[in-house]
Protein backbone atom coordinates (compact mmCIF):
# COMPACT_ATOMS: atom_id res chain seq x y z
CA MET A 1 24.13 -53.93 16.29
CA ARG A 2 24.79 -53.35 20.17
CA LEU A 3 25.83 -50.61 22.66
CA SER A 4 29.87 -50.64 22.84
CA ASP A 5 30.95 -47.57 24.15
CA PHE A 6 29.00 -43.96 25.32
CA GLY A 7 30.45 -40.60 26.77
CA ILE A 8 28.90 -38.02 28.18
CA TYR A 9 30.27 -33.98 27.30
CA ARG A 10 29.93 -30.60 28.84
CA TYR A 11 30.18 -27.64 26.32
CA GLU A 12 30.02 -24.31 26.49
CA LEU A 13 29.53 -21.45 23.76
CA PRO A 14 29.30 -17.88 23.93
CA PHE A 15 26.19 -16.14 22.79
CA THR A 16 26.86 -13.29 20.27
CA GLU A 17 25.20 -10.97 23.02
CA PRO A 18 24.10 -11.48 26.43
CA LEU A 19 20.60 -13.06 26.42
CA THR A 20 18.06 -12.35 28.81
CA LEU A 21 15.44 -15.29 29.40
CA LYS A 22 13.23 -15.09 32.73
CA GLY A 23 14.90 -11.97 34.05
CA ALA A 24 18.28 -13.76 34.09
CA THR A 25 21.11 -12.98 31.87
CA LEU A 26 23.38 -15.56 30.08
CA HIS A 27 26.32 -14.91 28.42
CA THR A 28 26.95 -18.42 27.28
CA ARG A 29 24.94 -21.59 26.48
CA GLU A 30 26.06 -24.71 28.34
CA GLY A 31 24.55 -28.02 27.45
CA LEU A 32 25.76 -31.63 27.43
CA LEU A 33 26.06 -33.84 24.21
CA LEU A 34 25.91 -37.51 24.26
CA ARG A 35 28.01 -39.94 21.94
CA LEU A 36 26.65 -43.47 21.66
CA THR A 37 28.91 -45.84 20.18
CA GLY A 38 28.20 -49.44 18.77
CA ASP A 39 30.04 -52.69 18.21
CA ASP A 40 30.66 -51.75 14.44
CA GLY A 41 32.32 -48.21 15.00
CA SER A 42 29.17 -46.44 14.40
CA GLU A 43 28.42 -43.14 16.59
CA GLY A 44 25.13 -41.27 17.41
CA TRP A 45 25.34 -37.75 18.53
CA SER A 46 23.01 -35.83 20.53
CA GLU A 47 22.07 -33.07 22.92
CA ALA A 48 20.99 -32.64 26.32
CA SER A 49 20.65 -29.03 27.34
CA PRO A 50 18.11 -27.92 29.91
CA LEU A 51 17.27 -24.37 29.29
CA PRO A 52 17.78 -22.31 32.15
CA GLY A 53 14.44 -20.26 33.18
CA PHE A 54 12.22 -23.14 31.06
CA SER A 55 13.61 -26.45 31.70
CA LEU A 56 12.25 -28.17 35.06
CA GLU A 57 15.56 -29.72 35.79
CA THR A 58 19.01 -28.48 35.80
CA LEU A 59 22.05 -29.06 33.89
CA ASP A 60 23.84 -31.29 36.73
CA GLU A 61 20.70 -33.22 37.43
CA ALA A 62 20.55 -34.27 33.78
CA ALA A 63 23.90 -35.00 33.80
CA ASP A 64 23.37 -37.10 36.51
CA GLN A 65 20.83 -39.04 34.85
CA LEU A 66 22.53 -39.14 31.72
CA VAL A 67 25.31 -41.03 33.14
CA LYS A 68 22.68 -43.33 34.49
CA ALA A 69 20.95 -44.12 31.59
CA SER A 70 23.72 -44.48 29.23
CA GLU A 71 25.72 -46.54 31.94
CA ALA A 72 22.29 -49.24 32.15
CA MET A 73 21.84 -48.95 28.22
CA THR A 74 25.41 -50.60 27.40
CA ALA A 75 25.36 -53.01 30.27
CA ALA A 76 21.71 -54.57 28.65
CA GLY A 77 24.22 -55.64 26.16
CA ARG A 78 21.00 -55.21 23.40
CA SER A 79 20.37 -52.95 20.71
CA PRO A 80 19.97 -49.21 21.28
CA SER A 81 16.26 -49.81 19.60
CA GLU A 82 15.76 -52.38 22.48
CA ASN A 83 17.43 -50.34 24.73
CA THR A 84 15.46 -47.16 24.36
CA PRO A 85 11.60 -47.67 25.20
CA SER A 86 13.00 -49.35 28.68
CA ILE A 87 15.20 -46.71 29.56
CA LEU A 88 12.81 -44.08 29.09
CA HIS A 89 10.34 -45.53 31.71
CA LEU A 90 12.87 -44.00 34.07
CA ASN A 91 11.39 -41.03 35.80
CA THR A 92 14.14 -39.33 33.21
CA ALA A 93 14.03 -35.20 32.42
CA PRO A 94 12.40 -33.85 28.92
CA SER A 95 16.10 -32.86 27.72
CA VAL A 96 17.91 -36.28 28.84
CA ARG A 97 14.86 -38.14 27.00
CA PHE A 98 15.05 -36.12 24.13
CA ALA A 99 19.16 -36.70 24.34
CA ILE A 100 18.83 -40.50 24.34
CA GLU A 101 16.45 -40.78 21.56
CA LEU A 102 18.37 -38.22 19.02
CA ALA A 103 21.37 -40.04 20.07
CA THR A 104 19.88 -44.09 18.97
CA LEU A 105 17.99 -42.17 16.25
CA ASN A 106 21.30 -41.08 14.56
CA LEU A 107 23.26 -43.96 15.66
CA ASN A 108 20.72 -46.19 13.51
CA ALA A 109 21.28 -43.94 10.80
CA ALA A 110 24.73 -43.81 10.81
CA ARG A 111 24.92 -47.43 10.74
CA ARG A 112 22.58 -47.58 7.83
CA GLY A 113 24.78 -44.67 6.32
CA VAL A 114 21.65 -42.46 6.06
CA SER A 115 20.25 -39.69 7.71
CA ALA A 116 18.19 -39.37 10.80
CA LEU A 117 15.62 -37.85 8.47
CA GLU A 118 15.57 -40.89 6.36
CA LEU A 119 14.39 -43.11 9.00
CA LEU A 120 11.84 -40.33 10.33
CA ASP A 121 10.37 -40.09 6.93
CA PRO A 122 12.25 -41.19 3.86
CA ASN A 123 9.58 -39.00 1.56
CA ALA A 124 10.14 -35.84 3.76
CA GLY A 125 12.84 -33.29 2.78
CA GLY A 126 12.74 -30.19 0.33
CA ILE A 127 12.94 -26.45 1.37
CA LEU A 128 12.51 -25.88 4.81
CA PRO A 129 11.36 -22.47 5.93
CA VAL A 130 13.10 -20.65 8.99
CA ASN A 131 10.98 -18.34 11.12
CA GLY A 132 13.51 -15.46 11.47
CA LEU A 133 13.27 -14.18 15.49
CA LEU A 134 12.88 -9.90 16.11
CA SER A 135 14.44 -8.72 19.81
CA GLY A 136 16.09 -5.81 20.98
CA SER A 137 15.19 -2.71 21.39
CA ALA A 138 12.32 -1.24 18.87
CA ASP A 139 14.49 0.83 16.83
CA GLU A 140 16.71 -2.96 16.14
CA VAL A 141 13.60 -4.90 16.42
CA VAL A 142 12.36 -2.53 13.16
CA ALA A 143 15.72 -2.63 11.39
CA ASP A 144 15.64 -6.44 11.68
CA ALA A 145 12.35 -6.66 10.06
CA ARG A 146 13.57 -4.87 6.88
CA ARG A 147 16.57 -7.00 6.99
CA MET A 148 14.32 -10.09 7.00
CA ARG A 149 11.86 -9.10 4.62
CA ASP A 150 14.18 -8.07 2.27
CA ALA A 151 16.05 -11.78 2.41
CA GLY A 152 12.95 -13.45 1.54
CA TYR A 153 11.82 -14.88 5.22
CA ARG A 154 7.97 -16.27 4.88
CA ALA A 155 6.95 -15.77 8.72
CA VAL A 156 8.89 -13.64 11.89
CA LYS A 157 8.65 -14.22 15.32
CA LEU A 158 8.65 -11.11 17.76
CA LYS A 159 8.73 -10.81 21.42
CA VAL A 160 5.97 -8.73 22.72
CA GLY A 161 5.56 -8.43 26.55
CA GLY A 162 8.44 -6.39 27.55
CA LEU A 163 6.99 -2.90 27.30
CA ALA A 164 3.95 -1.24 28.40
CA VAL A 165 0.70 -2.36 26.52
CA ARG A 166 0.25 0.22 24.38
CA ASP A 167 3.73 0.35 23.52
CA ASP A 168 4.21 -3.37 22.42
CA ALA A 169 1.28 -2.66 20.54
CA GLU A 170 2.15 0.31 18.70
CA LEU A 171 6.05 -1.82 17.97
CA VAL A 172 3.66 -4.83 16.36
CA ARG A 173 1.68 -2.50 14.00
CA GLU A 174 5.13 -1.20 12.55
CA VAL A 175 6.69 -4.25 12.18
CA SER A 176 3.73 -5.52 10.40
CA GLY A 177 3.52 -2.57 7.89
CA VAL A 178 7.62 -3.42 7.55
CA LEU A 179 6.66 -6.89 6.88
CA GLY A 180 3.77 -6.46 4.42
CA HIS A 181 1.11 -8.82 3.84
CA GLY A 182 3.35 -11.37 2.42
CA ILE A 183 5.09 -12.77 5.57
CA SER A 184 3.56 -14.29 8.45
CA LEU A 185 3.68 -12.55 12.22
CA ARG A 186 3.83 -14.65 14.77
CA LEU A 187 4.23 -13.02 18.07
CA ASP A 188 5.53 -14.60 21.78
CA ALA A 189 4.38 -12.92 24.82
CA ASN A 190 6.54 -15.79 26.78
CA ARG A 191 3.52 -15.88 29.55
CA ALA A 192 3.38 -11.59 30.44
CA TRP A 193 -0.13 -10.23 30.69
CA SER A 194 -2.61 -10.50 32.90
CA LEU A 195 -5.84 -11.17 30.79
CA ASP A 196 -7.21 -7.27 30.99
CA GLU A 197 -3.68 -6.81 29.60
CA ALA A 198 -3.60 -9.41 27.13
CA ILE A 199 -7.42 -8.22 26.00
CA GLU A 200 -6.01 -4.68 25.72
CA PHE A 201 -3.71 -5.62 23.56
CA ALA A 202 -5.48 -7.59 20.98
CA ARG A 203 -7.70 -4.67 20.96
CA ALA A 204 -4.80 -2.44 20.12
CA THR A 205 -3.59 -4.98 17.35
CA ARG A 206 -6.81 -6.08 16.06
CA ASP A 207 -6.38 -5.01 12.40
CA VAL A 208 -3.15 -6.38 12.13
CA ARG A 209 -2.72 -9.66 10.22
CA ILE A 210 -1.63 -12.07 13.15
CA GLU A 211 -0.59 -16.09 12.24
CA TYR A 212 -0.67 -16.63 16.06
CA ILE A 213 0.38 -15.44 19.68
CA GLU A 214 2.06 -17.49 21.69
CA GLU A 215 1.16 -17.74 25.77
CA PRO A 216 0.02 -14.62 26.01
CA LEU A 217 -1.17 -15.32 29.89
CA SER A 218 0.49 -15.46 33.01
CA ASP A 219 -2.22 -18.15 33.91
CA SER A 220 -2.46 -20.35 31.53
CA ALA A 221 -6.14 -21.78 32.82
CA LEU A 222 -7.43 -18.13 31.24
CA LEU A 223 -6.09 -19.25 27.59
CA PRO A 224 -9.88 -20.39 26.46
CA ARG A 225 -11.38 -17.27 27.53
CA PHE A 226 -8.82 -15.17 25.92
CA ALA A 227 -9.20 -16.62 22.80
CA ASP A 228 -12.85 -16.66 23.06
CA GLU A 229 -12.99 -13.22 23.99
CA SER A 230 -10.40 -12.09 22.05
CA ARG A 231 -10.53 -13.75 18.47
CA MET A 232 -7.09 -14.02 18.90
CA PRO A 233 -5.29 -16.89 17.22
CA VAL A 234 -3.15 -18.44 20.10
CA ALA A 235 -0.41 -21.16 19.93
CA LEU A 236 0.88 -23.14 22.80
CA ASP A 237 4.38 -23.68 24.30
CA GLU A 238 5.10 -23.82 27.62
CA SER A 239 1.72 -25.03 28.05
CA LEU A 240 2.79 -28.44 26.43
CA ILE A 241 4.91 -29.44 29.10
CA GLY A 242 4.05 -32.19 31.04
CA ILE A 243 1.08 -33.04 28.87
CA GLU A 244 0.38 -36.12 26.80
CA PRO A 245 -1.25 -36.09 23.16
CA GLU A 246 -4.62 -37.15 24.10
CA GLU A 247 -4.78 -34.23 25.98
CA LEU A 248 -4.51 -31.98 23.24
CA SER A 249 -8.31 -31.74 22.52
CA ARG A 250 -8.78 -30.09 25.56
CA HIS A 251 -7.32 -27.11 23.99
CA GLY A 252 -9.45 -26.94 20.97
CA TYR A 253 -9.00 -23.19 20.80
CA ALA A 254 -5.22 -23.17 19.94
CA ARG A 255 -4.31 -21.95 16.17
CA ALA A 256 -0.87 -23.88 16.62
CA VAL A 257 1.39 -25.96 19.03
CA VAL A 258 5.12 -24.72 19.47
CA LEU A 259 7.23 -27.80 20.01
CA LYS A 260 10.09 -27.76 21.92
CA PRO A 261 12.14 -31.39 22.11
CA THR A 262 14.24 -30.78 24.60
CA LEU A 263 11.34 -29.39 27.08
CA ILE A 264 8.24 -31.31 26.30
CA GLY A 265 10.37 -34.61 26.50
CA GLY A 266 11.75 -36.44 23.04
CA VAL A 267 12.08 -37.23 19.44
CA ARG A 268 9.00 -39.93 20.08
CA HIS A 269 6.46 -37.65 22.23
CA THR A 270 7.49 -34.94 19.85
CA LEU A 271 6.34 -36.32 16.85
CA ARG A 272 3.17 -37.99 18.93
CA ILE A 273 2.14 -34.19 19.66
CA ALA A 274 2.80 -33.04 16.04
CA GLU A 275 0.56 -36.29 14.86
CA GLU A 276 -2.72 -35.37 17.31
CA ALA A 277 -1.99 -31.30 16.46
CA HIS A 278 -2.53 -32.34 12.68
CA ARG A 279 -5.61 -34.44 13.68
CA LEU A 280 -6.90 -30.87 15.59
CA CYS A 281 -5.95 -28.87 12.32
CA MET A 282 -3.79 -27.07 14.25
CA THR A 283 0.08 -26.35 13.10
CA PRO A 284 2.62 -28.35 14.87
CA VAL A 285 5.74 -25.80 14.53
CA VAL A 286 9.24 -27.28 15.62
CA SER A 287 11.57 -24.97 17.44
CA SER A 288 14.76 -24.62 19.30
CA ALA A 289 15.60 -23.87 22.76
CA TYR A 290 18.96 -22.41 21.95
CA GLU A 291 20.55 -25.56 21.44
CA SER A 292 24.27 -26.36 20.11
CA GLY A 293 24.50 -27.95 16.20
CA VAL A 294 24.29 -30.87 17.58
CA GLY A 295 20.96 -30.70 18.77
CA THR A 296 19.40 -28.19 15.74
CA LEU A 297 19.86 -30.63 13.21
CA GLY A 298 17.84 -33.11 14.78
CA LEU A 299 15.05 -29.88 15.10
CA ILE A 300 15.87 -29.93 11.15
CA SER A 301 14.85 -33.40 10.61
CA LEU A 302 12.15 -33.53 13.21
CA SER A 303 10.46 -30.27 11.70
CA ALA A 304 10.64 -31.74 7.86
CA SER A 305 9.13 -34.74 8.89
CA THR A 306 6.16 -32.69 10.88
CA GLY A 307 4.73 -30.61 7.76
CA GLY A 308 7.35 -28.92 7.20
CA ALA A 309 5.54 -25.24 8.64
CA PRO A 310 8.55 -22.11 9.55
CA ALA A 311 10.23 -23.81 12.01
CA GLY A 312 11.90 -21.95 14.89
CA LEU A 313 15.77 -22.08 14.49
CA ASP A 314 16.79 -18.64 14.17
CA THR A 315 17.93 -19.09 18.03
CA TYR A 316 20.78 -20.60 16.46
CA ARG A 317 22.24 -17.09 15.03
CA ARG A 318 22.82 -16.09 18.82
CA LEU A 319 25.72 -18.58 19.24
CA ALA A 320 28.90 -16.74 18.24
CA GLU A 321 30.45 -20.46 17.96
CA ASP A 322 29.64 -24.00 17.79
CA ILE A 323 31.18 -27.47 18.73
CA LEU A 324 30.26 -29.17 15.03
CA ILE A 325 33.02 -28.78 12.19
CA PRO A 326 32.08 -27.45 9.90
CA PRO A 327 29.31 -25.59 11.93
CA PRO A 328 25.72 -25.28 10.19
CA GLU A 329 24.83 -22.73 7.72
CA LEU A 330 21.62 -21.34 9.44
CA HIS A 331 22.10 -17.76 8.41
CA SER A 332 18.62 -17.59 5.39
CA PRO A 333 15.08 -17.95 5.92
CA THR A 334 15.61 -21.27 4.08
CA ILE A 335 17.45 -24.30 4.90
CA ASP A 336 17.83 -26.86 1.64
CA VAL A 337 17.18 -29.93 4.25
CA ARG A 338 18.84 -33.45 2.84
CA PRO A 339 21.95 -31.49 1.55
CA MET A 340 22.06 -30.07 5.50
CA LEU A 341 21.55 -33.15 6.78
CA GLU A 342 23.59 -35.00 4.63
CA THR A 343 27.03 -32.98 4.75
CA PRO A 344 29.98 -34.79 6.85
CA ARG A 345 30.07 -33.08 10.19
CA SER A 346 32.29 -33.92 13.07
CA VAL A 347 32.33 -32.82 16.54
CA ASP A 348 35.21 -30.67 18.16
CA VAL A 349 36.07 -32.98 21.26
CA ASP A 350 38.73 -30.73 22.12
CA ARG A 351 36.69 -28.04 23.02
CA LEU A 352 34.64 -30.55 25.66
CA GLU A 353 34.85 -31.88 29.01
CA LEU A 354 34.15 -35.36 29.37
CA ILE A 355 32.04 -36.10 32.32
CA ALA A 356 31.70 -39.96 31.70
CA SER A 357 32.42 -42.67 29.13
CA LEU A 358 33.17 -46.50 29.03
């Protein structure tokens, strides 16, 4: 099979409510979709959607790179699998690498009549737990914690760092009490604190069962010291951007790695870091960056193939609409992976803006 056509589209989807990230308030999620078409008519869709405040590349930069890469792949006259490694030797941004690799994976899967997961790991599947996401006011957080407990979530993540340290600690204690002992509590500080503040928080919550805290420090170089002094389990997130799998051994203090392929650079890189994490006895947790359903389905495949730890996919609930027909049902604490991935879906191209094609 050879590539015969490609299409690059822009989408804009409303959030259910305004989303504040790194001090910026977003009302919509903007992103790019890539369609690769083979000479047998098979199609593979994927997504390149840089996350404002987190991605190094802008949406326009990603679009430029995606157009050039797609033109080069179709002009080469080779199969997608032959094309992808050479194209990715170019200086491509992480979200673009994710899009090219996922589209190639989905195209090959479509040609064979299977799901992408079948190509990643034919033995994977089953039930994938979803990590519930808590955010908002203290009252909203506590109410959502009760709802998630009653719904059967096995893991819940709470955003911290937006309040005074003592208030954050008090909220964590309250949420922990609501969840009880059967639900893992994960925290994410998004690099909000100094070392002293993070140590203060750790002391104030030392009797609370916490699976890990993601990126507590504004200065990530001090993470080993924080882990040593606080004895609080640490997870890496932003610190993974730009590192190679073999560099992960320098972070032996980490309990988990939160893998966002849009931010760290693609399917292969994610799989390699997950493999190295397992070797180092760290838990790999595949997580979203507010992608549409197209990218989210790819994340489900990746999560199932990397060990199936509770996945950070609850951000999908923040999208009020999607461009997939039918949209994935991701409003429960678990995903039955194979039925989810094998359900026939189409992309509503009428809702998209065409940027480039052959």
